[in-house]
């Protein structure tokens, strides 16, 4: 008999009404994305065990950019409803903005999605999670498919890096921050 997944003999064995992990045991967003910090690519080509796990959340294999897939994997793991795919621009929740045009509309929370805009590409080209505030000019983020450099305002945003890292970003370089918070109904 061919197995449909590692865990079940056939798809019918999956009980859709009951979560595998009880709701009370689901880790918080910071715990989930924090578990990725420090993991790096195997060969520097958007690959490796953890990178590929995150890419699978978007239906992709090794070799693709994965900043947005990091958001998808984390929100899926926390059972938070979203409409995000592998394209970074889809990670912006226009219905629940936290920061835009240089102004905070509400207080940010750990797990809010931070986006970076490229004037050259004329689009959102990189995303990560807002993780905290260092001071009135520097925001702390956690990002996938980034590098260990590019942390402050005069350094470039690296949108195709080597792993998952906690970064210190100039608020001036942040395009917007939005929030996904509606839980998936089980």
Protein backbone atom coordinates (compact mmCIF):
# COMPACT_ATOMS: atom_id res chain seq x y z
CA UNK A 1 0.00 0.00 0.00
CA UNK A 2 1.33 3.40 -0.99
CA UNK A 3 1.48 5.94 1.81
CA UNK A 4 0.07 9.45 1.23
CA UNK A 5 2.29 10.92 3.93
CA UNK A 6 4.83 9.90 6.51
CA UNK A 7 2.19 9.71 9.24
CA UNK A 8 -0.89 8.17 7.64
CA UNK A 9 -1.52 5.11 5.50
CA UNK A 10 -4.12 7.02 3.48
CA UNK A 11 -5.62 10.50 3.42
CA UNK A 12 -8.89 9.25 4.96
CA UNK A 13 -6.97 8.47 8.18
CA UNK A 14 -6.51 12.21 8.73
CA UNK A 15 -9.13 13.55 11.12
CA UNK A 16 -9.72 17.09 9.91
CA UNK A 17 -11.89 18.15 12.85
CA UNK A 18 -9.27 17.41 15.48
CA UNK A 19 -5.93 19.18 15.50
CA UNK A 20 -2.90 16.97 15.96
CA UNK A 21 -1.62 19.41 18.60
CA UNK A 22 -4.21 20.62 21.13
CA UNK A 23 -4.95 24.36 20.81
CA UNK A 24 -3.52 25.00 24.29
CA UNK A 25 -0.16 23.49 23.25
CA UNK A 26 0.41 25.55 20.09
CA UNK A 27 3.55 27.67 20.54
CA UNK A 28 3.35 31.45 20.17
CA UNK A 29 4.45 33.19 16.96
CA UNK A 30 7.75 34.37 18.56
CA UNK A 31 8.46 30.81 19.75
CA UNK A 32 7.77 29.42 16.27
CA UNK A 33 9.78 31.90 14.21
CA UNK A 34 12.41 32.12 16.96
CA UNK A 35 13.05 28.39 16.52
CA UNK A 36 14.34 29.14 13.01
CA UNK A 37 16.92 31.77 14.04
CA UNK A 38 20.48 30.65 13.34
CA UNK A 39 19.61 27.92 10.86
CA UNK A 40 21.47 28.39 7.58
CA UNK A 41 21.33 27.05 4.05
CA UNK A 42 23.23 23.83 3.33
CA UNK A 43 25.07 25.01 0.20
CA UNK A 44 24.08 28.67 -0.16
CA UNK A 45 21.53 27.84 -2.87
CA UNK A 46 18.28 28.22 -0.90
CA UNK A 47 18.48 24.63 0.32
CA UNK A 48 18.94 22.53 3.42
CA UNK A 49 16.62 20.69 5.80
CA UNK A 50 15.02 23.70 7.54
CA UNK A 51 14.96 25.93 4.43
CA UNK A 52 13.27 23.17 2.42
CA UNK A 53 10.73 22.58 5.22
CA UNK A 54 9.79 26.28 5.02
CA UNK A 55 9.69 26.21 1.20
CA UNK A 56 7.29 23.23 1.28
CA UNK A 57 4.79 25.46 3.12
CA UNK A 58 4.47 27.34 -0.20
CA UNK A 59 4.52 24.17 -2.31
CA UNK A 60 8.10 24.79 -3.44
CA UNK A 61 11.32 22.83 -3.38
CA UNK A 62 14.96 23.87 -2.96
CA UNK A 63 16.32 26.81 -4.92
CA UNK A 64 13.53 29.35 -4.43
CA UNK A 65 13.51 32.51 -2.32
CA UNK A 66 11.89 31.78 1.03
CA UNK A 67 11.33 34.99 3.01
CA UNK A 68 7.58 34.86 2.38
CA UNK A 69 7.48 31.08 2.87
CA UNK A 70 8.94 31.71 6.34
CA UNK A 71 5.85 33.80 7.10
CA UNK A 72 3.54 31.12 5.64
CA UNK A 73 5.19 28.28 7.60
CA UNK A 74 5.09 30.25 10.86
CA UNK A 75 1.47 31.39 10.53
CA UNK A 76 0.39 27.89 9.45
CA UNK A 77 2.21 26.43 12.46
CA UNK A 78 0.36 28.85 14.74
CA UNK A 79 -2.93 28.11 12.92
CA UNK A 80 -3.38 31.72 11.88
CA UNK A 81 -5.53 32.32 8.81
CA UNK A 82 -3.83 34.13 5.91
CA UNK A 83 -3.77 34.46 2.12
CA UNK A 84 0.02 34.55 1.70
CA UNK A 85 1.98 32.68 -0.96
CA UNK A 86 5.64 32.66 -2.02
CA UNK A 87 5.48 36.23 -3.37
CA UNK A 88 6.57 38.70 -0.66
CA UNK A 89 3.90 41.26 -1.58
CA UNK A 90 1.14 38.89 -0.48
CA UNK A 91 2.44 38.97 3.12
CA UNK A 92 1.12 42.52 3.56
CA UNK A 93 -2.33 42.42 5.18
CA UNK A 94 -3.86 45.66 3.90
CA UNK A 95 -6.91 45.09 6.12
CA UNK A 96 -4.86 45.27 9.32
CA UNK A 97 -2.04 47.79 8.98
CA UNK A 98 0.17 48.59 11.98
CA UNK A 99 2.71 50.95 10.38
CA UNK A 100 2.63 52.71 7.03
CA UNK A 101 3.97 55.88 5.46
CA UNK A 102 6.27 56.44 8.44
CA UNK A 103 3.51 56.35 11.06
CA UNK A 104 2.38 53.78 13.59
CA UNK A 105 -1.39 53.26 13.38
CA UNK A 106 -1.29 51.00 16.43
CA UNK A 107 1.32 49.49 18.70
CA UNK A 108 3.24 46.66 16.96
CA UNK A 109 3.25 43.15 18.41
CA UNK A 110 5.76 40.33 18.11
CA UNK A 111 4.75 38.38 15.03
CA UNK A 112 3.54 41.34 12.97
CA UNK A 113 4.82 41.15 9.39
CA UNK A 114 7.42 43.71 8.32
CA UNK A 115 7.86 44.47 4.61
CA UNK A 116 10.62 46.15 2.66
CA UNK A 117 10.07 47.97 -0.63
CA UNK A 118 12.42 48.22 -3.58
CA UNK A 119 12.20 51.45 -5.60
CA UNK A 120 14.20 49.72 -8.31
CA UNK A 121 11.78 46.77 -8.54
CA UNK A 122 8.75 48.93 -7.64
CA UNK A 123 7.36 46.32 -5.24
CA UNK A 124 7.61 44.72 -1.81
CA UNK A 125 10.55 42.38 -2.26
CA UNK A 126 11.36 41.12 1.23
CA UNK A 127 9.43 40.35 4.43
CA UNK A 128 10.07 39.25 7.99
CA UNK A 129 8.60 39.39 11.49
CA UNK A 130 8.61 42.37 13.83
CA UNK A 131 10.20 41.12 17.05
CA UNK A 132 10.75 44.24 19.14
CA UNK A 133 12.13 47.74 19.36
CA UNK A 134 15.68 48.69 20.26
CA UNK A 135 15.01 52.44 20.40
CA UNK A 136 13.02 55.14 18.57
CA UNK A 137 14.97 54.52 15.34
CA UNK A 138 15.74 50.78 15.30
CA UNK A 139 13.25 47.91 15.07
CA UNK A 140 14.21 44.29 15.73
CA UNK A 141 13.09 41.75 13.13
CA UNK A 142 13.43 38.04 12.42
CA UNK A 143 13.80 37.23 8.72
CA UNK A 144 14.29 34.22 6.50
CA UNK A 145 16.42 34.26 3.35
CA UNK A 146 18.55 37.06 4.70
CA UNK A 147 22.14 37.48 5.78
CA UNK A 148 23.94 38.45 8.96
CA UNK A 149 24.91 41.85 7.50
CA UNK A 150 22.66 44.70 6.40
CA UNK A 151 21.47 45.37 9.92
CA UNK A 152 21.51 49.17 10.07
CA UNK A 153 20.19 52.05 7.99
CA UNK A 154 23.26 52.59 5.80
CA UNK A 155 23.54 48.90 4.87
CA UNK A 156 21.51 47.34 2.05
CA UNK A 157 18.54 45.07 2.74
CA UNK A 158 19.65 41.59 1.75
CA UNK A 159 16.64 39.83 0.22
CA UNK A 160 18.46 36.67 -0.82
CA UNK A 161 20.77 35.67 1.96
CA UNK A 162 21.92 32.52 3.67
CA UNK A 163 19.49 31.71 6.48
CA UNK A 164 17.23 32.85 9.31
CA UNK A 165 18.51 35.73 11.43
CA UNK A 166 17.44 38.32 14.00
CA UNK A 167 18.19 41.76 12.57
CA UNK A 168 18.28 45.39 13.69
CA UNK A 169 16.56 47.49 11.04
CA UNK A 170 16.29 51.23 10.70
CA UNK A 171 12.65 52.24 10.91
CA UNK A 172 13.30 54.41 7.83
CA UNK A 173 13.97 51.26 5.79
CA UNK A 174 10.70 49.58 6.75
CA UNK A 175 7.94 50.01 4.17
CA UNK A 176 5.08 48.83 6.35
CA UNK A 177 4.04 46.49 9.15
CA UNK A 178 0.79 44.54 9.14
CA UNK A 179 -0.89 41.93 11.30
CA UNK A 180 -2.44 38.51 10.67
CA UNK A 181 -4.31 37.35 13.74
CA UNK A 182 -7.48 35.43 12.94
CA UNK A 183 -7.17 31.83 14.10
CA UNK A 184 -8.15 29.00 11.77
CA UNK A 185 -11.42 27.45 12.93
CA UNK A 186 -11.07 23.76 13.79
